[in-house]
Amino acid sequence: MMTTLIENTFMNPDTAEYNASLDQSDREICDLLAGEIDKHLPEAENKIWHAHPVWFLEGNPVVGYSKLKHCVRLLFWSGQSFDEESLKNEGKFKAAEARYTGMDQVDKQALKRWLAKARDIQWDYKNIVRRKGKLERLK
């Protein structure tokens, strides 16, 4: 299995393949996001889940990104609990997102803060099916 070196971290080969399938602008955004996530959540497991890169802490999804029609969406599963004005609510659970159309829109300081919160504030998505759609706070 081959890994790709991005900003002194080794990207999961499946994530690298996902990013490589994108056009240059979107690939640059995704490579930046993957590098920052790996740097600030080194203990997280990264894999392709539901067709896009997701990072897990102890089996619980915390952050991922995906290519949408006109942007790249960065999603935090517990992001609504982060109290971050620049993250927008997404879906009916606790997720929040940021959307990017260019690398220059990625605020690395905000991203670092959000990733720290992703570690410290978690809702239990791992067991949501077993709990019949009810989320419980882990941290």
Foldseek 3Di string as FASTA:
>chain_A
DDWDDQPNDTADPQQLVLLVVDPPFQSVQSSVLRVLLCVLCVVWDWDQDPRFIFTDDPQATAWTWDDDPQWIKIKGQQVQVLPDPQWDDDDDHRMTIHTGNGNVVDDSVVSSSSSVVSVVWDWGPSCCVVVVNDIDTDD
